[in-house]
Amino acid sequence: MNNFRSFLYKLARILGDVNAVKKGRVGRRIGRRVAGRATGRTTRKFFK
């Protein structure tokens, strides 16, 4: 079940990337992804 769920998440991410390319919003998407990862790292440090 986990394998299927991770496949769906990867598929959704790829579809979101394709959609961003179509609409010309790749830079925004990359910026948000980087910001999300940074936020996740700092949050993880607080709750470790």
PDB file of N, CA and C in Angstrom:
ATOM      1  N   MET A   1       0.817  -1.195   0.000  1.00  0.00           N
ATOM      2  CA  MET A   1       0.000   0.000   0.000  1.00  0.00           C
ATOM      3  C   MET A   1       0.864   1.263   0.000  1.00  0.00           C
ATOM      4  N   ASN A   2       1.951   1.279   0.797  1.00  0.00           N
ATOM      5  CA  ASN A   2       2.835   2.434   0.839  1.00  0.00           C
ATOM      6  C   ASN A   2       3.476   2.707  -0.518  1.00  0.00           C
ATOM      7  N   ASN A   3       3.818   1.609  -1.207  1.00  0.00           N
ATOM      8  CA  ASN A   3       4.443   1.751  -2.517  1.00  0.00           C
ATOM      9  C   ASN A   3       3.490   2.441  -3.491  1.00  0.00           C
ATOM     10  N   PHE A   4       2.228   2.070  -3.457  1.00  0.00           N
ATOM     11  CA  PHE A   4       1.224   2.667  -4.326  1.00  0.00           C
ATOM     12  C   PHE A   4       1.012   4.134  -3.978  1.00  0.00           C
ATOM     13  N   ARG A   5       1.002   4.436  -2.702  1.00  0.00           N
ATOM     14  CA  ARG A   5       0.809   5.824  -2.259  1.00  0.00           C
ATOM     15  C   ARG A   5       1.973   6.691  -2.702  1.00  0.00           C
ATOM     16  N   SER A   6       3.199   6.200  -2.549  1.00  0.00           N
ATOM     17  CA  SER A   6       4.355   6.981  -2.980  1.00  0.00           C
ATOM     18  C   SER A   6       4.331   7.176  -4.494  1.00  0.00           C
ATOM     19  N   PHE A   7       3.870   6.174  -5.233  1.00  0.00           N
ATOM     20  CA  PHE A   7       3.720   6.316  -6.677  1.00  0.00           C
ATOM     21  C   PHE A   7       2.731   7.419  -7.011  1.00  0.00           C
ATOM     22  N   LEU A   8       1.625   7.476  -6.295  1.00  0.00           N
ATOM     23  CA  LEU A   8       0.630   8.514  -6.556  1.00  0.00           C
ATOM     24  C   LEU A   8       1.173   9.908  -6.249  1.00  0.00           C
ATOM     25  N   TYR A   9       1.927  10.031  -5.154  1.00  0.00           N
ATOM     26  CA  TYR A   9       2.515  11.328  -4.813  1.00  0.00           C
ATOM     27  C   TYR A   9       3.523  11.771  -5.875  1.00  0.00           C
ATOM     28  N   LYS A  10       4.337  10.836  -6.356  1.00  0.00           N
ATOM     29  CA  LYS A  10       5.309  11.173  -7.408  1.00  0.00           C
ATOM     30  C   LYS A  10       4.588  11.573  -8.689  1.00  0.00           C
ATOM     31  N   LEU A  11       3.530  10.856  -9.019  1.00  0.00           N
ATOM     32  CA  LEU A  11       2.759  11.180 -10.213  1.00  0.00           C
ATOM     33  C   LEU A  11       2.139  12.564 -10.094  1.00  0.00           C
ATOM     34  N   ALA A  12       1.610  12.891  -8.929  1.00  0.00           N
ATOM     35  CA  ALA A  12       1.004  14.208  -8.714  1.00  0.00           C
ATOM     36  C   ALA A  12       2.056  15.304  -8.836  1.00  0.00           C
ATOM     37  N   ARG A  13       3.247  15.043  -8.336  1.00  0.00           N
ATOM     38  CA  ARG A  13       4.313  16.040  -8.430  1.00  0.00           C
ATOM     39  C   ARG A  13       4.718  16.269  -9.886  1.00  0.00           C
ATOM     40  N   ILE A  14       4.809  15.194 -10.651  1.00  0.00           N
ATOM     41  CA  ILE A  14       5.165  15.316 -12.072  1.00  0.00           C
ATOM     42  C   ILE A  14       4.074  16.060 -12.829  1.00  0.00           C
ATOM     43  N   LEU A  15       2.823  15.735 -12.543  1.00  0.00           N
ATOM     44  CA  LEU A  15       1.718  16.423 -13.214  1.00  0.00           C
ATOM     45  C   LEU A  15       1.694  17.904 -12.844  1.00  0.00           C
ATOM     46  N   GLY A  16       2.013  18.231 -11.611  1.00  0.00           N
ATOM     47  CA  GLY A  16       2.099  19.619 -11.191  1.00  0.00           C
ATOM     48  C   GLY A  16       3.219  20.356 -11.909  1.00  0.00           C
ATOM     49  N   ASP A  17       4.345  19.663 -12.119  1.00  0.00           N
ATOM     50  CA  ASP A  17       5.454  20.266 -12.859  1.00  0.00           C
ATOM     51  C   ASP A  17       5.054  20.538 -14.303  1.00  0.00           C
ATOM     52  N   VAL A  18       4.390  19.584 -14.922  1.00  0.00           N
ATOM     53  CA  VAL A  18       3.937  19.746 -16.309  1.00  0.00           C
ATOM     54  C   VAL A  18       2.968  20.914 -16.404  1.00  0.00           C
ATOM     55  N   ASN A  19       2.069  21.002 -15.456  1.00  0.00           N
ATOM     56  CA  ASN A  19       1.095  22.089 -15.441  1.00  0.00           C
ATOM     57  C   ASN A  19       1.788  23.444 -15.269  1.00  0.00           C
ATOM     58  N   ALA A  20       2.797  23.491 -14.427  1.00  0.00           N
ATOM     59  CA  ALA A  20       3.532  24.743 -14.215  1.00  0.00           C
ATOM     60  C   ALA A  20       4.260  25.164 -15.483  1.00  0.00           C
ATOM     61  N   VAL A  21       4.811  24.203 -16.206  1.00  0.00           N
ATOM     62  CA  VAL A  21       5.499  24.519 -17.457  1.00  0.00           C
ATOM     63  C   VAL A  21       4.506  25.074 -18.465  1.00  0.00           C
ATOM     64  N   LYS A  22       3.333  24.468 -18.538  1.00  0.00           N
ATOM     65  CA  LYS A  22       2.311  24.942 -19.478  1.00  0.00           C
ATOM     66  C   LYS A  22       1.882  26.368 -19.179  1.00  0.00           C
ATOM     67  N   LYS A  23       1.769  26.692 -17.904  1.00  0.00           N
ATOM     68  CA  LYS A  23       1.295  28.021 -17.510  1.00  0.00           C
ATOM     69  C   LYS A  23       2.424  29.027 -17.337  1.00  0.00           C
ATOM     70  N   GLY A  24       3.672  28.574 -17.476  1.00  0.00           N
ATOM     71  CA  GLY A  24       4.807  29.475 -17.371  1.00  0.00           C
ATOM     72  C   GLY A  24       5.112  29.895 -15.949  1.00  0.00           C
ATOM     73  N   ARG A  25       4.890  29.028 -15.000  1.00  0.00           N
ATOM     74  CA  ARG A  25       5.110  29.360 -13.585  1.00  0.00           C
ATOM     75  C   ARG A  25       6.138  28.441 -12.920  1.00  0.00           C
ATOM     76  N   VAL A  26       7.135  28.064 -13.693  1.00  0.00           N
ATOM     77  CA  VAL A  26       8.137  27.128 -13.186  1.00  0.00           C
ATOM     78  C   VAL A  26       8.945  27.748 -12.049  1.00  0.00           C
ATOM     79  N   GLY A  27       9.336  28.997 -12.212  1.00  0.00           N
ATOM     80  CA  GLY A  27      10.142  29.671 -11.186  1.00  0.00           C
ATOM     81  C   GLY A  27       9.438  29.736  -9.851  1.00  0.00           C
ATOM     82  N   ARG A  28       8.151  30.052  -9.882  1.00  0.00           N
ATOM     83  CA  ARG A  28       7.370  30.092  -8.640  1.00  0.00           C
ATOM     84  C   ARG A  28       7.327  28.731  -7.977  1.00  0.00           C
ATOM     85  N   ARG A  29       7.114  27.711  -8.797  1.00  0.00           N
ATOM     86  CA  ARG A  29       7.005  26.349  -8.263  1.00  0.00           C
ATOM     87  C   ARG A  29       8.316  25.896  -7.624  1.00  0.00           C
ATOM     88  N   ILE A  30       9.422  26.199  -8.282  1.00  0.00           N
ATOM     89  CA  ILE A  30      10.731  25.824  -7.730  1.00  0.00           C
ATOM     90  C   ILE A  30      10.976  26.565  -6.421  1.00  0.00           C
ATOM     91  N   GLY A  31      10.637  27.854  -6.394  1.00  0.00           N
ATOM     92  CA  GLY A  31      10.812  28.642  -5.174  1.00  0.00           C
ATOM     93  C   GLY A  31      10.000  28.107  -4.015  1.00  0.00           C
ATOM     94  N   ARG A  32       8.786  27.735  -4.294  1.00  0.00           N
ATOM     95  CA  ARG A  32       7.933  27.190  -3.230  1.00  0.00           C
ATOM     96  C   ARG A  32       8.430  25.844  -2.755  1.00  0.00           C
ATOM     97  N   ARG A  33       8.944  25.035  -3.682  1.00  0.00           N
ATOM     98  CA  ARG A  33       9.463  23.724  -3.297  1.00  0.00           C
ATOM     99  C   ARG A  33      10.683  23.874  -2.399  1.00  0.00           C
ATOM    100  N   VAL A  34      11.577  24.795  -2.748  1.00  0.00           N
ATOM    101  CA  VAL A  34      12.777  25.040  -1.934  1.00  0.00           C
ATOM    102  C   VAL A  34      12.384  25.578  -0.565  1.00  0.00           C
ATOM    103  N   ALA A  35      11.440  26.512  -0.550  1.00  0.00           N
ATOM    104  CA  ALA A  35      10.996  27.079   0.731  1.00  0.00           C
ATOM    105  C   ALA A  35      10.343  26.016   1.603  1.00  0.00           C
ATOM    106  N   GLY A  36       9.578  25.133   0.995  1.00  0.00           N
ATOM    107  CA  GLY A  36       8.925  24.059   1.742  1.00  0.00           C
ATOM    108  C   GLY A  36       9.927  23.091   2.355  1.00  0.00           C
ATOM    109  N   ARG A  37      10.962  22.782   1.588  1.00  0.00           N
ATOM    110  CA  ARG A  37      11.994  21.880   2.123  1.00  0.00           C
ATOM    111  C   ARG A  37      12.734  22.524   3.285  1.00  0.00           C
ATOM    112  N   ALA A  38      13.049  23.797   3.145  1.00  0.00           N
ATOM    113  CA  ALA A  38      13.765  24.503   4.218  1.00  0.00           C
ATOM    114  C   ALA A  38      12.905  24.571   5.476  1.00  0.00           C
ATOM    115  N   THR A  39      11.625  24.845   5.304  1.00  0.00           N
ATOM    116  CA  THR A  39      10.715  24.899   6.450  1.00  0.00           C
ATOM    117  C   THR A  39      10.617  23.538   7.119  1.00  0.00           C
ATOM    118  N   GLY A  40      10.556  22.493   6.315  1.00  0.00           N
ATOM    119  CA  GLY A  40      10.492  21.136   6.859  1.00  0.00           C
ATOM    120  C   GLY A  40      11.722  20.782   7.672  1.00  0.00           C
ATOM    121  N   ARG A  41      12.881  21.197   7.181  1.00  0.00           N
ATOM    122  CA  ARG A  41      14.126  20.903   7.909  1.00  0.00           C
ATOM    123  C   ARG A  41      14.179  21.616   9.253  1.00  0.00           C
ATOM    124  N   THR A  42      13.804  22.889   9.249  1.00  0.00           N
ATOM    125  CA  THR A  42      13.855  23.627  10.516  1.00  0.00           C
ATOM    126  C   THR A  42      12.800  23.120  11.487  1.00  0.00           C
ATOM    127  N   THR A  43      11.633  22.766  11.000  1.00  0.00           N
ATOM    128  CA  THR A  43      10.589  22.227  11.865  1.00  0.00           C
ATOM    129  C   THR A  43      11.015  20.885  12.459  1.00  0.00           C
ATOM    130  N   ARG A  44      11.699  20.076  11.654  1.00  0.00           N
ATOM    131  CA  ARG A  44      12.162  18.779  12.123  1.00  0.00           C
ATOM    132  C   ARG A  44      13.161  18.934  13.262  1.00  0.00           C
ATOM    133  N   LYS A  45      13.999  19.978  13.176  1.00  0.00           N
ATOM    134  CA  LYS A  45      14.982  20.205  14.241  1.00  0.00           C
ATOM    135  C   LYS A  45      14.304  20.549  15.566  1.00  0.00           C
ATOM    136  N   PHE A  46      13.194  21.258  15.509  1.00  0.00           N
ATOM    137  CA  PHE A  46      12.482  21.641  16.738  1.00  0.00           C
ATOM    138  C   PHE A  46      11.810  20.463  17.412  1.00  0.00           C
ATOM    139  N   PHE A  47      11.309  19.519  16.634  1.00  0.00           N
ATOM    140  CA  PHE A  47      10.521  18.419  17.193  1.00  0.00           C
ATOM    141  C   PHE A  47      11.276  17.104  17.251  1.00  0.00           C
ATOM    142  N   LYS A  48      12.593  17.162  17.189  1.00  0.00           N
ATOM    143  CA  LYS A  48      13.401  15.952  17.233  1.00  0.00           C
ATOM    144  C   LYS A  48      13.641  15.499  18.641  1.00  0.00           C
TER     145      LYS A  48
END
